[in-house]
Protein backbone atom coordinates (compact mmCIF):
# COMPACT_ATOMS: atom_id res chain seq x y z
CA UNK A 1 0.00 0.00 0.00
CA UNK A 2 2.89 2.36 0.75
CA UNK A 3 4.29 1.79 -2.69
CA UNK A 4 0.89 2.44 -4.28
CA UNK A 5 0.30 5.81 -2.54
CA UNK A 6 3.86 6.94 -3.35
CA UNK A 7 4.77 8.23 0.14
CA UNK A 8 8.23 6.60 0.33
CA UNK A 9 9.02 7.98 -3.10
CA UNK A 10 8.00 11.49 -2.12
CA UNK A 11 10.03 11.28 1.09
CA UNK A 12 13.10 10.09 -0.80
CA UNK A 13 12.69 12.86 -3.33
CA UNK A 14 12.44 15.43 -0.53
CA UNK A 15 15.63 14.11 1.11
CA UNK A 16 17.49 14.15 -2.19
CA UNK A 17 16.25 17.67 -2.89
CA UNK A 18 17.59 18.92 0.46
CA UNK A 19 20.91 17.20 -0.14
CA UNK A 20 21.25 18.73 -3.60
CA UNK A 21 20.37 22.16 -2.26
CA UNK A 22 22.97 21.86 0.50
CA UNK A 23 25.59 20.67 -1.98
CA UNK A 24 24.77 23.52 -4.34
CA UNK A 25 25.17 26.03 -1.51
CA UNK A 26 28.54 24.58 -0.56
CA UNK A 27 29.70 24.74 -4.17
CA UNK A 28 28.43 28.28 -4.74
CA UNK A 29 31.24 30.76 -5.36
CA UNK A 30 32.17 32.78 -2.27
CA UNK A 31 31.07 36.40 -2.25
CA UNK A 32 33.88 38.94 -1.92
CA UNK A 33 33.59 41.80 0.54
CA UNK A 34 36.06 44.66 0.46
CA UNK A 35 36.88 45.55 4.05
CA UNK A 36 38.75 48.70 5.07
CA UNK A 37 40.50 49.21 8.40
CA UNK A 38 41.06 52.71 9.80
CA UNK A 39 44.51 51.61 10.97
CA UNK A 40 46.82 48.71 10.16
CA UNK A 41 48.49 48.11 13.52
CA UNK A 42 45.48 48.57 15.82
CA UNK A 43 44.36 45.46 17.72
CA UNK A 44 40.77 46.69 17.27
CA UNK A 45 40.81 45.68 13.61
CA UNK A 46 42.74 42.41 13.94
CA UNK A 47 39.52 40.33 14.12
CA UNK A 48 39.04 40.82 10.37
CA UNK A 49 42.43 39.20 9.71
CA UNK A 50 41.89 36.44 12.27
CA UNK A 51 38.46 35.57 10.89
CA UNK A 52 39.88 35.45 7.37
CA UNK A 53 42.97 33.41 8.24
CA UNK A 54 41.16 30.86 10.41
CA UNK A 55 38.49 30.24 7.79
CA UNK A 56 35.61 31.61 9.87
CA UNK A 57 34.41 33.98 7.16
CA UNK A 58 34.96 31.33 4.51
CA UNK A 59 32.54 29.05 6.38
CA UNK A 60 29.98 31.76 5.74
CA UNK A 61 30.85 31.77 2.02
CA UNK A 62 32.77 35.03 2.21
CA UNK A 63 36.17 36.09 0.94
CA UNK A 64 37.58 39.29 2.43
CA UNK A 65 39.80 41.78 0.64
CA UNK A 66 41.33 43.74 3.52
CA UNK A 67 42.97 47.15 3.13
CA UNK A 68 44.23 49.69 5.68
CA UNK A 69 43.75 53.46 5.73
CA UNK A 70 45.19 56.31 7.82
CA UNK A 71 42.20 57.36 9.90
CA UNK A 72 38.46 57.89 9.71
CA UNK A 73 38.39 60.63 7.11
CA UNK A 74 40.31 58.49 4.64
CA UNK A 75 38.22 55.41 5.23
CA UNK A 76 35.04 57.44 4.76
CA UNK A 77 36.49 58.77 1.50
CA UNK A 78 37.15 55.19 0.40
CA UNK A 79 33.52 54.25 1.07
CA UNK A 80 32.24 57.32 -0.77
CA UNK A 81 34.43 56.36 -3.74
CA UNK A 82 33.05 52.78 -3.67
CA UNK A 83 36.53 51.40 -2.99
CA UNK A 84 35.32 49.32 -0.03
CA UNK A 85 32.01 47.82 1.12
CA UNK A 86 32.63 47.64 4.87
CA UNK A 87 34.72 49.89 7.11
CA UNK A 88 36.09 49.23 10.58
CA UNK A 89 36.24 52.76 11.94
CA UNK A 90 35.46 54.88 14.98
CA UNK A 91 32.29 55.95 16.75
CA UNK A 92 32.95 59.63 15.96
CA UNK A 93 32.96 58.57 12.31
CA UNK A 94 29.15 58.48 12.54
CA UNK A 95 29.25 62.27 12.15
CA UNK A 96 30.27 61.84 8.51
CA UNK A 97 26.89 60.21 7.87
CA UNK A 98 25.07 63.25 9.26
CA UNK A 99 27.13 65.33 6.82
CA UNK A 100 25.99 63.24 3.87
CA UNK A 101 28.39 60.28 3.65
CA UNK A 102 26.56 57.42 1.85
CA UNK A 103 27.05 54.87 4.63
CA UNK A 104 25.48 53.63 7.86
CA UNK A 105 26.81 52.13 11.06
CA UNK A 106 25.84 48.46 11.22
CA UNK A 107 27.44 47.41 14.52
CA UNK A 108 28.91 48.95 17.66
CA UNK A 109 32.03 46.80 17.79
CA UNK A 110 33.82 48.21 20.86
CA UNK A 111 33.04 50.33 23.92
CA UNK A 112 35.36 52.56 26.00
CA UNK A 113 38.63 53.61 24.29
CA UNK A 114 40.95 51.14 25.98
CA UNK A 115 42.94 50.99 22.77
CA UNK A 116 44.51 54.44 22.87
CA UNK A 117 47.26 56.08 24.89
CA UNK A 118 48.69 59.59 24.95
CA UNK A 119 52.47 59.43 24.51
CA UNK A 120 55.18 62.05 24.79
CA UNK A 121 58.94 62.06 24.38
CA UNK A 122 61.04 60.76 27.24
CA UNK A 123 63.01 64.03 27.38
CA UNK A 124 60.84 65.45 30.20
CA UNK A 125 59.44 68.20 27.96
CA UNK A 126 56.02 66.89 29.01
CA UNK A 127 55.86 64.98 32.29
CA UNK A 128 52.09 64.62 32.78
CA UNK A 129 48.87 65.30 30.91
CA UNK A 130 48.57 68.58 32.83
CA UNK A 131 51.60 69.88 30.94
CA UNK A 132 49.77 69.63 27.61
CA UNK A 133 47.68 72.78 28.00
CA UNK A 134 48.27 74.90 24.90
CA UNK A 135 50.65 72.29 23.44
CA UNK A 136 50.43 70.46 20.10
CA UNK A 137 49.11 66.89 20.06
CA UNK A 138 49.05 64.68 16.98
CA UNK A 139 45.82 62.96 15.91
CA UNK A 140 44.90 60.96 12.83
CA UNK A 141 42.25 63.00 11.00
CA UNK A 142 39.54 65.56 11.64
CA UNK A 143 36.47 63.98 13.25
CA UNK A 144 38.37 60.87 14.33
CA UNK A 145 38.26 59.18 17.72
CA UNK A 146 41.82 60.38 18.40
CA UNK A 147 40.66 63.94 17.78
CA UNK A 148 37.70 63.54 20.09
CA UNK A 149 39.84 62.08 22.87
CA UNK A 150 42.16 65.09 22.82
CA UNK A 151 39.19 67.44 22.97
CA UNK A 152 37.61 65.47 25.81
CA UNK A 153 40.84 65.52 27.82
CA UNK A 154 41.08 69.30 27.42
CA UNK A 155 37.43 69.69 28.39
CA UNK A 156 37.71 67.52 31.50
CA UNK A 157 40.84 69.40 32.54
CA UNK A 158 38.84 72.63 32.39
CA UNK A 159 40.78 74.06 29.46
CA UNK A 160 37.85 74.01 27.04
CA UNK A 161 37.63 71.84 23.94
CA UNK A 162 40.27 73.99 22.25
CA UNK A 163 42.67 73.88 25.20
CA UNK A 164 45.06 71.63 23.27
CA UNK A 165 46.14 72.31 19.69
CA UNK A 166 45.36 69.33 17.48
CA UNK A 167 47.62 68.49 14.54
CA UNK A 168 46.21 66.02 11.98
CA UNK A 169 49.06 63.82 10.81
CA UNK A 170 47.62 60.53 9.58
CA UNK A 171 48.58 57.08 10.79
CA UNK A 172 50.40 56.11 13.99
CA UNK A 173 53.81 55.92 12.36
CA UNK A 174 53.53 59.50 11.12
CA UNK A 175 52.44 60.71 14.55
CA UNK A 176 55.41 59.05 16.25
CA UNK A 177 57.78 60.44 13.62
CA UNK A 178 56.44 63.96 14.19
CA UNK A 179 56.81 63.51 17.94
CA UNK A 180 60.43 62.38 17.58
CA UNK A 181 61.13 65.36 15.30
CA UNK A 182 59.67 67.67 17.99
CA UNK A 183 57.05 68.98 15.57
CA UNK A 184 54.45 68.10 18.21
CA UNK A 185 54.53 67.65 21.98
CA UNK A 186 52.36 64.55 22.28
CA UNK A 187 50.36 62.07 20.23
CA UNK A 188 47.35 59.81 20.60
CA UNK A 189 48.33 56.38 19.26
CA UNK A 190 47.10 52.83 19.63
CA UNK A 191 48.45 50.85 22.55
CA UNK A 192 50.72 48.57 20.50
CA UNK A 193 52.54 51.58 19.05
CA UNK A 194 52.67 53.29 22.44
CA UNK A 195 54.26 50.27 24.12
CA UNK A 196 56.85 49.91 21.34
CA UNK A 197 57.70 53.60 21.67
CA UNK A 198 58.24 53.17 25.41
CA UNK A 199 60.32 50.02 24.92
CA UNK A 200 62.81 51.90 22.75
CA UNK A 201 63.38 54.34 25.61
CA UNK A 202 62.28 57.26 23.42
CA UNK A 203 58.82 57.82 24.86
CA UNK A 204 56.50 57.56 27.81
CA UNK A 205 52.78 57.01 28.26
CA UNK A 206 51.27 59.92 30.19
CA UNK A 207 47.58 59.03 29.94
CA UNK A 208 45.28 56.06 29.36
CA UNK A 209 41.58 56.52 28.79
CA UNK A 210 39.82 53.60 30.46
CA UNK A 211 38.95 55.68 33.52
CA UNK A 212 38.48 59.00 31.74
CA UNK A 213 35.75 57.85 29.33
CA UNK A 214 33.11 55.24 30.26
CA UNK A 215 30.05 55.43 27.97
CA UNK A 216 31.33 55.42 24.43
CA UNK A 217 31.45 53.49 21.16
CA UNK A 218 35.12 53.79 20.31
CA UNK A 219 34.69 51.65 17.20
CA UNK A 220 31.82 51.09 14.79
CA UNK A 221 31.47 48.85 11.75
CA UNK A 222 30.11 50.73 8.73
CA UNK A 223 28.63 49.59 5.42
CA UNK A 224 28.03 51.65 2.32
CA UNK A 225 24.47 52.35 1.24
CA UNK A 226 25.29 50.51 -1.97
CA UNK A 227 26.36 47.37 -0.08
CA UNK A 228 23.28 47.60 2.16
CA UNK A 229 21.04 47.69 -0.91
CA UNK A 230 22.86 45.16 -3.10
CA UNK A 231 24.35 42.56 -0.73
CA UNK A 232 22.32 42.39 2.50
CA UNK A 233 22.85 38.64 2.88
CA UNK A 234 26.63 39.07 2.64
CA UNK A 235 26.54 41.78 5.31
CA UNK A 236 24.57 39.49 7.63
CA UNK A 237 27.07 36.72 6.99
CA UNK A 238 29.93 39.12 7.73
CA UNK A 239 28.43 40.14 11.06
CA UNK A 240 27.80 36.51 12.01
CA UNK A 241 31.40 35.68 11.11
CA UNK A 242 32.67 38.72 13.02
CA UNK A 243 31.05 37.68 16.30
CA UNK A 244 32.14 34.08 15.81
CA UNK A 245 35.67 35.48 15.43
CA UNK A 246 35.38 37.48 18.67
CA UNK A 247 34.25 34.30 20.45
CA UNK A 248 37.17 32.42 18.88
CA UNK A 249 39.62 35.09 20.07
CA UNK A 250 38.29 34.90 23.63
CA UNK A 251 38.70 31.12 23.80
CA UNK A 252 41.85 30.67 21.65
CA UNK A 253 44.40 33.09 23.03
CA UNK A 254 47.52 31.36 21.66
CA UNK A 255 46.32 31.29 18.04
CA UNK A 256 44.98 34.83 18.33
CA UNK A 257 48.35 36.09 19.59
CA UNK A 258 50.18 34.35 16.76
CA UNK A 259 48.18 36.19 14.08
CA UNK A 260 47.92 39.49 15.99
CA UNK A 261 51.68 39.58 16.55
CA UNK A 262 52.30 39.40 12.81
CA UNK A 263 49.68 42.04 11.96
CA UNK A 264 50.74 44.52 14.66
CA UNK A 265 54.47 43.77 14.33
CA UNK A 266 54.88 43.39 18.10
CA UNK A 267 56.84 40.93 20.24
CA UNK A 268 55.29 38.10 22.27
CA UNK A 269 55.15 39.96 25.58
CA UNK A 270 53.64 43.13 24.12
CA UNK A 271 51.07 41.21 22.09
CA UNK A 272 49.96 39.21 25.14
CA UNK A 273 49.68 42.38 27.20
CA UNK A 274 47.59 44.08 24.53
CA UNK A 275 45.31 41.05 24.28
CA UNK A 276 44.70 41.01 28.04
CA UNK A 277 43.98 44.73 28.16
CA UNK A 278 41.88 45.11 25.05
CA UNK A 279 39.76 41.96 24.61
CA UNK A 280 37.21 43.27 27.15
CA UNK A 281 36.37 46.24 24.91
CA UNK A 282 34.86 44.08 22.14
CA UNK A 283 31.09 43.78 21.99
CA UNK A 284 29.63 40.28 21.70
CA UNK A 285 26.43 41.41 19.98
CA UNK A 286 27.12 44.79 18.30
CA UNK A 287 24.07 46.51 19.80
CA UNK A 288 24.20 50.29 20.07
CA UNK A 289 23.98 51.83 23.55
CA UNK A 290 21.79 54.91 24.05
CA UNK A 291 24.14 56.52 26.61
CA UNK A 292 27.16 56.04 24.36
CA UNK A 293 25.23 57.46 21.40
CA UNK A 294 24.27 60.50 23.49
CA UNK A 295 27.94 61.14 24.32
CA UNK A 296 28.83 60.87 20.65
CA UNK A 297 26.03 63.24 19.64
CA UNK A 298 27.23 65.88 22.10
CA UNK A 299 30.82 65.42 20.97
CA UNK A 300 29.93 66.30 17.37
CA UNK A 301 28.83 69.75 18.51
CA UNK A 302 31.66 70.21 20.99
CA UNK A 303 34.21 69.40 18.31
CA UNK A 304 32.38 71.70 15.86
CA UNK A 305 31.99 68.76 13.50
CA UNK A 306 28.25 69.50 13.33
CA UNK A 307 26.30 72.65 14.28
CA UNK A 308 23.65 70.70 16.23
CA UNK A 309 23.24 67.21 17.60
CA UNK A 310 21.87 64.89 14.92
CA UNK A 311 19.12 62.30 15.26
CA UNK A 312 21.48 59.44 16.11
CA UNK A 313 18.87 56.79 15.23
CA UNK A 314 19.24 57.74 11.56
CA UNK A 315 22.98 57.08 11.52
CA UNK A 316 22.91 53.34 12.14
CA UNK A 317 20.90 50.17 11.69
CA UNK A 318 20.89 46.89 13.63
CA UNK A 319 19.23 44.96 10.79
CA UNK A 320 22.39 42.99 9.97
CA UNK A 321 23.20 41.83 13.50
CA UNK A 322 22.56 38.20 14.48
CA UNK A 323 19.13 37.76 16.02
CA UNK A 324 18.99 37.51 19.80
């Protein structure tokens, strides 16, 4: 009777259909995403390299083309020019969207700015952060997180947002070179660069920012409007792969250090120290925090990036984050 009503045949056909569909998906060509990093040596952006090298993104049928840029302004320019699809940038970079940049934030990837340190020369020209009033401090680009940090330090010291003269210099290497040449008195750089500068005996760290700034999105993942419209599935796959990579980094320290050391060009001890200090800043879900967004909105006005606080809800979307 079973053979007459055809049920086994239909069941077998359904099973074969599922198997063929799964095989077709596995054989489908991987989609390529062009990913830009706002800095090459920053530990913040190492997850992209780790996810690519360990095959995590490949499991989600993605190939990443990773490029590095010297700060937020340059990475925003690259998105506007359709040179990249996704950018790993800073929270203050959201201001570019309010000014018309054709992108949106798609994930809040890191909280307080544990990554950055303010360094000076070891010649005692600047002993503490209090000595920086009216001095020149190197930052990456206008509207960057390094720029905002300098302004926030000056504000909290009671000097006003313009109490320190900011000099936009580009990437970390350029900032350190300018500091050594005495063109500036201090520089905001990522922790890996700061520690290497101290190890050479040429510099000192005069300020860290983990206590100074609590509610903040130091880093945000952006996608271009074009990518949002044309490859939404790839963006969802990227975000899923990203958070799988963060989980991998938390539970596989040794392999993470091996890749991070090569990317950041640091020694074993420095890389391990950076890992221990900075892993806590990464978000496990990418959700945006209302208090951090409020701080960012105020900062845009304080830094004179925007004349008024924007509607922050229009600058980002959580549509591509993994479902809770």
